[in-house]
Structures are given as structure tokens and as C-alpha cells.
Amino acid sequence: MKDIHEVLRQKQTKYAQLGKQIEMLQQAAEKLREVAPLLAENDDDDNAVLMEGEEITADAMAAKAGSAGAGVGAAKASKPSAPRWP
């Protein structure tokens, strides 16, 4: 049979550890609440920059295709080429 005082001491130690863990998790949650809006703002900015970059790339490709002219140059511009390996 277990000693009731030893079991009680073990339970109290475990309870104290859990209390510390809960307190640390609550502090982390508070910090995340502070930082989350900042991350959301950065995420929106990143998406806007990516969309602008895609528009610029599409415009550059259209301009390149338009400046190639008619004939052989136009055929090369519209045909995708595979990268050459040395």
C-alpha cells in the first residue's frame, strides 16, 4: 500500500508544474495576440507585392512578344524553349 503523504506530495508537485506550464502558455498566448495583427498586415503587403510582380512579369512578356515582330522572330517568341544543358 502507498503512503498517502507521499502520494499527496507527488500530486502537489505535479499540480505546481502544471500551474507553471499554464501560466507560460497564457503569457505566450498574450504575446501572440499582440503580434498576430502585425503578421496579418505583413501578409497582406506581401500578397500585394506578389500580385504587382505578376502583373509586371505579364506586361514584360507581352511587350517582348509584341516587339519580336512577324516572321521567324514571332514564331520563336510564341514557342516555349527547353533549357539547354552544357
PDB file of N, CA and C in Angstrom:
ATOM      1  N   MET A   1       0.841  -1.169   0.000  1.00  0.00           N
ATOM      2  CA  MET A   1       0.000   0.000   0.000  1.00  0.00           C
ATOM      3  C   MET A   1       0.895   1.245   0.000  1.00  0.00           C
ATOM      4  N   LYS A   2       0.471   2.296  -0.769  1.00  0.00           N
ATOM      5  CA  LYS A   2       1.250   3.532  -0.873  1.00  0.00           C
ATOM      6  C   LYS A   2       1.009   4.409   0.342  1.00  0.00           C
ATOM      7  N   ASP A   3       2.051   5.172   0.677  1.00  0.00           N
ATOM      8  CA  ASP A   3       1.937   6.139   1.759  1.00  0.00           C
ATOM      9  C   ASP A   3       1.144   7.334   1.244  1.00  0.00           C
ATOM     10  N   ILE A   4       0.105   7.701   1.938  1.00  0.00           N
ATOM     11  CA  ILE A   4      -0.777   8.773   1.486  1.00  0.00           C
ATOM     12  C   ILE A   4      -0.060  10.107   1.441  1.00  0.00           C
ATOM     13  N   HIS A   5       0.901  10.327   2.322  1.00  0.00           N
ATOM     14  CA  HIS A   5       1.642  11.596   2.332  1.00  0.00           C
ATOM     15  C   HIS A   5       2.559  11.698   1.114  1.00  0.00           C
ATOM     16  N   GLU A   6       3.143  10.571   0.706  1.00  0.00           N
ATOM     17  CA  GLU A   6       3.998  10.561  -0.486  1.00  0.00           C
ATOM     18  C   GLU A   6       3.166  10.818  -1.743  1.00  0.00           C
ATOM     19  N   VAL A   7       2.001  10.192  -1.836  1.00  0.00           N
ATOM     20  CA  VAL A   7       1.108  10.408  -2.982  1.00  0.00           C
ATOM     21  C   VAL A   7       0.661  11.857  -3.030  1.00  0.00           C
ATOM     22  N   LEU A   8       0.320  12.423  -1.882  1.00  0.00           N
ATOM     23  CA  LEU A   8      -0.109  13.813  -1.814  1.00  0.00           C
ATOM     24  C   LEU A   8       1.019  14.747  -2.245  1.00  0.00           C
ATOM     25  N   ARG A   9       2.247  14.471  -1.792  1.00  0.00           N
ATOM     26  CA  ARG A   9       3.386  15.292  -2.166  1.00  0.00           C
ATOM     27  C   ARG A   9       3.629  15.225  -3.678  1.00  0.00           C
ATOM     28  N   GLN A  10       3.513  14.033  -4.265  1.00  0.00           N
ATOM     29  CA  GLN A  10       3.691  13.877  -5.722  1.00  0.00           C
ATOM     30  C   GLN A  10       2.619  14.650  -6.493  1.00  0.00           C
ATOM     31  N   LYS A  11       1.393  14.548  -6.035  1.00  0.00           N
ATOM     32  CA  LYS A  11       0.291  15.257  -6.698  1.00  0.00           C
ATOM     33  C   LYS A  11       0.472  16.772  -6.605  1.00  0.00           C
ATOM     34  N   GLN A  12       0.933  17.268  -5.457  1.00  0.00           N
ATOM     35  CA  GLN A  12       1.151  18.698  -5.299  1.00  0.00           C
ATOM     36  C   GLN A  12       2.284  19.185  -6.205  1.00  0.00           C
ATOM     37  N   THR A  13       3.329  18.376  -6.328  1.00  0.00           N
ATOM     38  CA  THR A  13       4.440  18.735  -7.213  1.00  0.00           C
ATOM     39  C   THR A  13       3.963  18.801  -8.659  1.00  0.00           C
ATOM     40  N   LYS A  14       3.197  17.805  -9.045  1.00  0.00           N
ATOM     41  CA  LYS A  14       2.664  17.792 -10.413  1.00  0.00           C
ATOM     42  C   LYS A  14       1.718  18.967 -10.633  1.00  0.00           C
ATOM     43  N   TYR A  15       0.908  19.290  -9.658  1.00  0.00           N
ATOM     44  CA  TYR A  15      -0.018  20.411  -9.745  1.00  0.00           C
ATOM     45  C   TYR A  15       0.741  21.728  -9.916  1.00  0.00           C
ATOM     46  N   ALA A  16       1.842  21.901  -9.185  1.00  0.00           N
ATOM     47  CA  ALA A  16       2.650  23.110  -9.281  1.00  0.00           C
ATOM     48  C   ALA A  16       3.281  23.212 -10.670  1.00  0.00           C
ATOM     49  N   GLN A  17       3.773  22.092 -11.206  1.00  0.00           N
ATOM     50  CA  GLN A  17       4.368  22.089 -12.548  1.00  0.00           C
ATOM     51  C   GLN A  17       3.331  22.460 -13.602  1.00  0.00           C
ATOM     52  N   LEU A  18       2.146  21.890 -13.473  1.00  0.00           N
ATOM     53  CA  LEU A  18       1.080  22.209 -14.423  1.00  0.00           C
ATOM     54  C   LEU A  18       0.676  23.674 -14.329  1.00  0.00           C
ATOM     55  N   GLY A  19       0.651  24.215 -13.121  1.00  0.00           N
ATOM     56  CA  GLY A  19       0.329  25.628 -12.941  1.00  0.00           C
ATOM     57  C   GLY A  19       1.340  26.521 -13.649  1.00  0.00           C
ATOM     58  N   LYS A  20       2.632  26.184 -13.532  1.00  0.00           N
ATOM     59  CA  LYS A  20       3.677  26.962 -14.213  1.00  0.00           C
ATOM     60  C   LYS A  20       3.522  26.853 -15.730  1.00  0.00           C
ATOM     61  N   GLN A  21       3.230  25.647 -16.216  1.00  0.00           N
ATOM     62  CA  GLN A  21       3.053  25.460 -17.654  1.00  0.00           C
ATOM     63  C   GLN A  21       1.856  26.259 -18.170  1.00  0.00           C
ATOM     64  N   ILE A  22       0.779  26.265 -17.414  1.00  0.00           N
ATOM     65  CA  ILE A  22      -0.413  27.022 -17.813  1.00  0.00           C
ATOM     66  C   ILE A  22      -0.103  28.512 -17.859  1.00  0.00           C
ATOM     67  N   GLU A  23       0.632  29.006 -16.856  1.00  0.00           N
ATOM     68  CA  GLU A  23       0.997  30.420 -16.822  1.00  0.00           C
ATOM     69  C   GLU A  23       1.873  30.789 -18.025  1.00  0.00           C
ATOM     70  N   MET A  24       2.832  29.942 -18.357  1.00  0.00           N
ATOM     71  CA  MET A  24       3.699  30.205 -19.507  1.00  0.00           C
ATOM     72  C   MET A  24       2.904  30.201 -20.809  1.00  0.00           C
ATOM     73  N   LEU A  25       1.968  29.281 -20.940  1.00  0.00           N
ATOM     74  CA  LEU A  25       1.134  29.228 -22.141  1.00  0.00           C
ATOM     75  C   LEU A  25       0.249  30.464 -22.258  1.00  0.00           C
ATOM     76  N   GLN A  26      -0.262  30.935 -21.128  1.00  0.00           N
ATOM     77  CA  GLN A  26      -1.082  32.146 -21.157  1.00  0.00           C
ATOM     78  C   GLN A  26      -0.257  33.358 -21.580  1.00  0.00           C
ATOM     79  N   GLN A  27       0.986  33.448 -21.099  1.00  0.00           N
ATOM     80  CA  GLN A  27       1.860  34.552 -21.496  1.00  0.00           C
ATOM     81  C   GLN A  27       2.176  34.479 -22.985  1.00  0.00           C
ATOM     82  N   ALA A  28       2.419  33.268 -23.479  1.00  0.00           N
ATOM     83  CA  ALA A  28       2.699  33.107 -24.905  1.00  0.00           C
ATOM     84  C   ALA A  28       1.485  33.494 -25.732  1.00  0.00           C
ATOM     85  N   ALA A  29       0.297  33.129 -25.265  1.00  0.00           N
ATOM     86  CA  ALA A  29      -0.926  33.474 -25.988  1.00  0.00           C
ATOM     87  C   ALA A  29      -1.116  34.993 -26.039  1.00  0.00           C
ATOM     88  N   GLU A  30      -0.802  35.677 -24.951  1.00  0.00           N
ATOM     89  CA  GLU A  30      -0.922  37.139 -24.931  1.00  0.00           C
ATOM     90  C   GLU A  30       0.031  37.771 -25.942  1.00  0.00           C
ATOM     91  N   LYS A  31       1.250  37.272 -25.991  1.00  0.00           N
ATOM     92  CA  LYS A  31       2.219  37.813 -26.943  1.00  0.00           C
ATOM     93  C   LYS A  31       1.783  37.542 -28.376  1.00  0.00           C
ATOM     94  N   LEU A  32       1.232  36.368 -28.615  1.00  0.00           N
ATOM     95  CA  LEU A  32       0.750  36.052 -29.962  1.00  0.00           C
ATOM     96  C   LEU A  32      -0.411  36.957 -30.359  1.00  0.00           C
ATOM     97  N   ARG A  33      -1.263  37.283 -29.413  1.00  0.00           N
ATOM     98  CA  ARG A  33      -2.370  38.200 -29.714  1.00  0.00           C
ATOM     99  C   ARG A  33      -1.842  39.571 -30.111  1.00  0.00           C
ATOM    100  N   GLU A  34      -0.731  39.990 -29.497  1.00  0.00           N
ATOM    101  CA  GLU A  34      -0.146  41.283 -29.840  1.00  0.00           C
ATOM    102  C   GLU A  34       0.493  41.254 -31.227  1.00  0.00           C
ATOM    103  N   VAL A  35       1.111  40.146 -31.576  1.00  0.00           N
ATOM    104  CA  VAL A  35       1.883  40.049 -32.812  1.00  0.00           C
ATOM    105  C   VAL A  35       1.014  39.659 -34.007  1.00  0.00           C
ATOM    106  N   ALA A  36      -0.069  38.958 -33.775  1.00  0.00           N
ATOM    107  CA  ALA A  36      -0.902  38.451 -34.874  1.00  0.00           C
ATOM    108  C   ALA A  36      -1.367  39.545 -35.830  1.00  0.00           C
ATOM    109  N   PRO A  37      -1.845  40.694 -35.361  1.00  0.00           N
ATOM    110  CA  PRO A  37      -2.250  41.739 -36.310  1.00  0.00           C
ATOM    111  C   PRO A  37      -1.089  42.236 -37.164  1.00  0.00           C
ATOM    112  N   LEU A  38       0.102  42.304 -36.568  1.00  0.00           N
ATOM    113  CA  LEU A  38       1.266  42.744 -37.334  1.00  0.00           C
ATOM    114  C   LEU A  38       1.601  41.743 -38.427  1.00  0.00           C
ATOM    115  N   LEU A  39       1.498  40.465 -38.108  1.00  0.00           N
ATOM    116  CA  LEU A  39       1.764  39.433 -39.107  1.00  0.00           C
ATOM    117  C   LEU A  39       0.718  39.469 -40.211  1.00  0.00           C
ATOM    118  N   ALA A  40      -0.530  39.724 -39.845  1.00  0.00           N
ATOM    119  CA  ALA A  40      -1.589  39.788 -40.848  1.00  0.00           C
ATOM    120  C   ALA A  40      -1.352  40.971 -41.787  1.00  0.00           C
ATOM    121  N   GLU A  41      -0.895  42.100 -41.246  1.00  0.00           N
ATOM    122  CA  GLU A  41      -0.608  43.261 -42.087  1.00  0.00           C
ATOM    123  C   GLU A  41       0.530  42.954 -43.046  1.00  0.00           C
ATOM    124  N   ASN A  42       1.570  42.323 -42.571  1.00  0.00           N
ATOM    125  CA  ASN A  42       2.705  41.959 -43.422  1.00  0.00           C
ATOM    126  C   ASN A  42       2.285  40.967 -44.488  1.00  0.00           C
ATOM    127  N   ASP A  43       1.414  40.046 -44.132  1.00  0.00           N
ATOM    128  CA  ASP A  43       0.943  39.042 -45.087  1.00  0.00           C
ATOM    129  C   ASP A  43       0.173  39.711 -46.219  1.00  0.00           C
ATOM    130  N   ASP A  44      -0.667  40.708 -45.894  1.00  0.00           N
ATOM    131  CA  ASP A  44      -1.408  41.441 -46.924  1.00  0.00           C
ATOM    132  C   ASP A  44      -0.455  42.206 -47.832  1.00  0.00           C
ATOM    133  N   ASP A  45       0.559  42.835 -47.228  1.00  0.00           N
ATOM    134  CA  ASP A  45       1.547  43.583 -48.014  1.00  0.00           C
ATOM    135  C   ASP A  45       2.309  42.647 -48.948  1.00  0.00           C
ATOM    136  N   ASP A  46       2.687  41.476 -48.439  1.00  0.00           N
ATOM    137  CA  ASP A  46       3.414  40.511 -49.261  1.00  0.00           C
ATOM    138  C   ASP A  46       2.565  40.056 -50.437  1.00  0.00           C
ATOM    139  N   ASN A  47       1.280  39.809 -50.197  1.00  0.00           N
ATOM    140  CA  ASN A  47       0.397  39.384 -51.278  1.00  0.00           C
ATOM    141  C   ASN A  47       0.257  40.478 -52.328  1.00  0.00           C
ATOM    142  N   ALA A  48       0.172  41.734 -51.888  1.00  0.00           N
ATOM    143  CA  ALA A  48       0.046  42.849 -52.833  1.00  0.00           C
ATOM    144  C   ALA A  48       1.307  42.961 -53.675  1.00  0.00           C
ATOM    145  N   VAL A  49       2.466  42.799 -53.057  1.00  0.00           N
ATOM    146  CA  VAL A  49       3.731  42.880 -53.793  1.00  0.00           C
ATOM    147  C   VAL A  49       3.821  41.735 -54.794  1.00  0.00           C
ATOM    148  N   LEU A  50       3.410  40.544 -54.378  1.00  0.00           N
ATOM    149  CA  LEU A  50       3.448  39.404 -55.299  1.00  0.00           C
ATOM    150  C   LEU A  50       2.527  39.634 -56.490  1.00  0.00           C
ATOM    151  N   MET A  51       1.337  40.178 -56.238  1.00  0.00           N
ATOM    152  CA  MET A  51       0.410  40.422 -57.337  1.00  0.00           C
ATOM    153  C   MET A  51       0.975  41.470 -58.288  1.00  0.00           C
ATOM    154  N   GLU A  52       1.621  42.514 -57.739  1.00  0.00           N
ATOM    155  CA  GLU A  52       2.225  43.532 -58.591  1.00  0.00           C
ATOM    156  C   GLU A  52       3.334  42.925 -59.423  1.00  0.00           C
ATOM    157  N   GLY A  53       4.122  42.055 -58.840  1.00  0.00           N
ATOM    158  CA  GLY A  53       5.208  41.392 -59.549  1.00  0.00           C
ATOM    159  C   GLY A  53       4.690  40.524 -60.685  1.00  0.00           C
ATOM    160  N   GLU A  54       3.573  39.852 -60.457  1.00  0.00           N
ATOM    161  CA  GLU A  54       2.983  39.024 -61.506  1.00  0.00           C
ATOM    162  C   GLU A  54       2.484  39.885 -62.655  1.00  0.00           C
ATOM    163  N   GLU A  55       1.896  41.047 -62.326  1.00  0.00           N
ATOM    164  CA  GLU A  55       1.413  41.946 -63.375  1.00  0.00           C
ATOM    165  C   GLU A  55       2.580  42.473 -64.198  1.00  0.00           C
ATOM    166  N   ILE A  56       3.666  42.838 -63.540  1.00  0.00           N
ATOM    167  CA  ILE A  56       4.836  43.346 -64.251  1.00  0.00           C
ATOM    168  C   ILE A  56       5.406  42.272 -65.158  1.00  0.00           C
ATOM    169  N   THR A  57       5.486  41.050 -64.673  1.00  0.00           N
ATOM    170  CA  THR A  57       6.010  39.948 -65.479  1.00  0.00           C
ATOM    171  C   THR A  57       5.123  39.703 -66.690  1.00  0.00           C
ATOM    172  N   ALA A  58       3.811  39.731 -66.503  1.00  0.00           N
ATOM    173  CA  ALA A  58       2.900  39.510 -67.616  1.00  0.00           C
ATOM    174  C   ALA A  58       3.031  40.640 -68.646  1.00  0.00           C
ATOM    175  N   ASP A  59       3.167  41.882 -68.167  1.00  0.00           N
ATOM    176  CA  ASP A  59       3.334  43.013 -69.086  1.00  0.00           C
ATOM    177  C   ASP A  59       4.649  42.901 -69.847  1.00  0.00           C
ATOM    178  N   ALA A  60       5.709  42.502 -69.160  1.00  0.00           N
ATOM    179  CA  ALA A  60       7.012  42.379 -69.811  1.00  0.00           C
ATOM    180  C   ALA A  60       6.979  41.284 -70.870  1.00  0.00           C
ATOM    181  N   MET A  61       6.314  40.187 -70.582  1.00  0.00           N
ATOM    182  CA  MET A  61       6.229  39.100 -71.560  1.00  0.00           C
ATOM    183  C   MET A  61       5.414  39.531 -72.768  1.00  0.00           C
ATOM    184  N   ALA A  62       4.335  40.272 -72.541  1.00  0.00           N
ATOM    185  CA  ALA A  62       3.517  40.745 -73.650  1.00  0.00           C
ATOM    186  C   ALA A  62       4.300  41.724 -74.505  1.00  0.00           C
ATOM    187  N   ALA A  63       5.062  42.616 -73.863  1.00  0.00           N
ATOM    188  CA  ALA A  63       5.862  43.583 -74.615  1.00  0.00           C
ATOM    189  C   ALA A  63       6.943  42.880 -75.423  1.00  0.00           C
ATOM    190  N   LYS A  64       7.543  41.854 -74.846  1.00  0.00           N
ATOM    191  CA  LYS A  64       8.598  41.123 -75.537  1.00  0.00           C
ATOM    192  C   LYS A  64       8.024  40.402 -76.754  1.00  0.00           C
ATOM    193  N   ALA A  65       6.843  39.813 -76.593  1.00  0.00           N
ATOM    194  CA  ALA A  65       6.212  39.110 -77.709  1.00  0.00           C
ATOM    195  C   ALA A  65       5.810  40.105 -78.801  1.00  0.00           C
ATOM    196  N   GLY A  66       5.342  41.285 -78.393  1.00  0.00           N
ATOM    197  CA  GLY A  66       4.930  42.293 -79.367  1.00  0.00           C
ATOM    198  C   GLY A  66       6.105  42.885 -80.117  1.00  0.00           C
ATOM    199  N   SER A  67       7.258  43.022 -79.464  1.00  0.00           N
ATOM    200  CA  SER A  67       8.413  43.621 -80.114  1.00  0.00           C
ATOM    201  C   SER A  67       9.164  42.626 -81.000  1.00  0.00           C
ATOM    202  N   ALA A  68       8.844  41.352 -80.915  1.00  0.00           N
ATOM    203  CA  ALA A  68       9.541  40.348 -81.711  1.00  0.00           C
ATOM    204  C   ALA A  68       9.183  40.490 -83.190  1.00  0.00           C
ATOM    205  N   GLY A  69       8.007  41.052 -83.461  1.00  0.00           N
ATOM    206  CA  GLY A  69       7.616  41.273 -84.851  1.00  0.00           C
ATOM    207  C   GLY A  69       7.062  40.017 -85.502  1.00  0.00           C
ATOM    208  N   ALA A  70       6.906  40.093 -86.822  1.00  0.00           N
ATOM    209  CA  ALA A  70       6.335  38.963 -87.558  1.00  0.00           C
ATOM    210  C   ALA A  70       7.469  38.083 -88.078  1.00  0.00           C
ATOM    211  N   GLY A  71       7.085  36.928 -88.589  1.00  0.00           N
ATOM    212  CA  GLY A  71       8.062  36.040 -89.222  1.00  0.00           C
ATOM    213  C   GLY A  71       8.701  35.087 -88.242  1.00  0.00           C
ATOM    214  N   VAL A  72       9.985  34.818 -88.433  1.00  0.00           N
ATOM    215  CA  VAL A  72      10.698  33.820 -87.642  1.00  0.00           C
ATOM    216  C   VAL A  72      10.786  34.239 -86.182  1.00  0.00           C
ATOM    217  N   GLY A  73      11.018  35.516 -85.909  1.00  0.00           N
ATOM    218  CA  GLY A  73      11.120  36.006 -84.539  1.00  0.00           C
ATOM    219  C   GLY A  73       9.846  35.777 -83.757  1.00  0.00           C
ATOM    220  N   ALA A  74       8.694  35.975 -84.402  1.00  0.00           N
ATOM    221  CA  ALA A  74       7.419  35.772 -83.737  1.00  0.00           C
ATOM    222  C   ALA A  74       7.203  34.303 -83.431  1.00  0.00           C
ATOM    223  N   ALA A  75       7.629  33.434 -84.334  1.00  0.00           N
ATOM    224  CA  ALA A  75       7.454  32.004 -84.097  1.00  0.00           C
ATOM    225  C   ALA A  75       8.302  31.567 -82.911  1.00  0.00           C
ATOM    226  N   LYS A  76       9.513  32.087 -82.775  1.00  0.00           N
ATOM    227  CA  LYS A  76      10.369  31.723 -81.653  1.00  0.00           C
ATOM    228  C   LYS A  76       9.804  32.258 -80.343  1.00  0.00           C
ATOM    229  N   ALA A  77       9.237  33.448 -80.345  1.00  0.00           N
ATOM    230  CA  ALA A  77       8.713  34.058 -79.124  1.00  0.00           C
ATOM    231  C   ALA A  77       7.513  33.290 -78.598  1.00  0.00           C
ATOM    232  N   SER A  78       6.690  32.739 -79.476  1.00  0.00           N
ATOM    233  CA  SER A  78       5.497  32.045 -79.022  1.00  0.00           C
ATOM    234  C   SER A  78       5.778  30.598 -78.666  1.00  0.00           C
ATOM    235  N   LYS A  79       6.870  30.035 -79.144  1.00  0.00           N
ATOM    236  CA  LYS A  79       7.190  28.646 -78.880  1.00  0.00           C
ATOM    237  C   LYS A  79       8.073  28.555 -77.625  1.00  0.00           C
ATOM    238  N   PRO A  80       7.619  27.847 -76.597  1.00  0.00           N
ATOM    239  CA  PRO A  80       8.448  27.736 -75.420  1.00  0.00           C
ATOM    240  C   PRO A  80       9.681  26.873 -75.706  1.00  0.00           C
ATOM    241  N   SER A  81      10.807  27.280 -75.164  1.00  0.00           N
ATOM    242  CA  SER A  81      12.018  26.518 -75.408  1.00  0.00           C
ATOM    243  C   SER A  81      12.489  25.876 -74.113  1.00  0.00           C
ATOM    244  N   ALA A  82      13.030  24.687 -74.233  1.00  0.00           N
ATOM    245  CA  ALA A  82      13.546  23.984 -73.073  1.00  0.00           C
ATOM    246  C   ALA A  82      14.947  24.500 -72.768  1.00  0.00           C
ATOM    247  N   PRO A  83      15.340  24.503 -71.513  1.00  0.00           N
ATOM    248  CA  PRO A  83      16.687  24.953 -71.202  1.00  0.00           C
ATOM    249  C   PRO A  83      17.733  24.007 -71.787  1.00  0.00           C
ATOM    250  N   ARG A  84      18.829  24.569 -72.229  1.00  0.00           N
ATOM    251  CA  ARG A  84      19.888  23.759 -72.798  1.00  0.00           C
ATOM    252  C   ARG A  84      20.866  23.381 -71.696  1.00  0.00           C
ATOM    253  N   TRP A  85      21.292  22.137 -71.726  1.00  0.00           N
ATOM    254  CA  TRP A  85      22.259  21.655 -70.750  1.00  0.00           C
ATOM    255  C   TRP A  85      23.630  21.619 -71.407  1.00  0.00           C
ATOM    256  N   PRO A  86      24.647  22.018 -70.716  1.00  0.00           N
ATOM    257  CA  PRO A  86      26.002  22.041 -71.307  1.00  0.00           C
ATOM    258  C   PRO A  86      26.545  20.651 -71.599  1.00  0.00           C
TER     259      PRO A  86
END
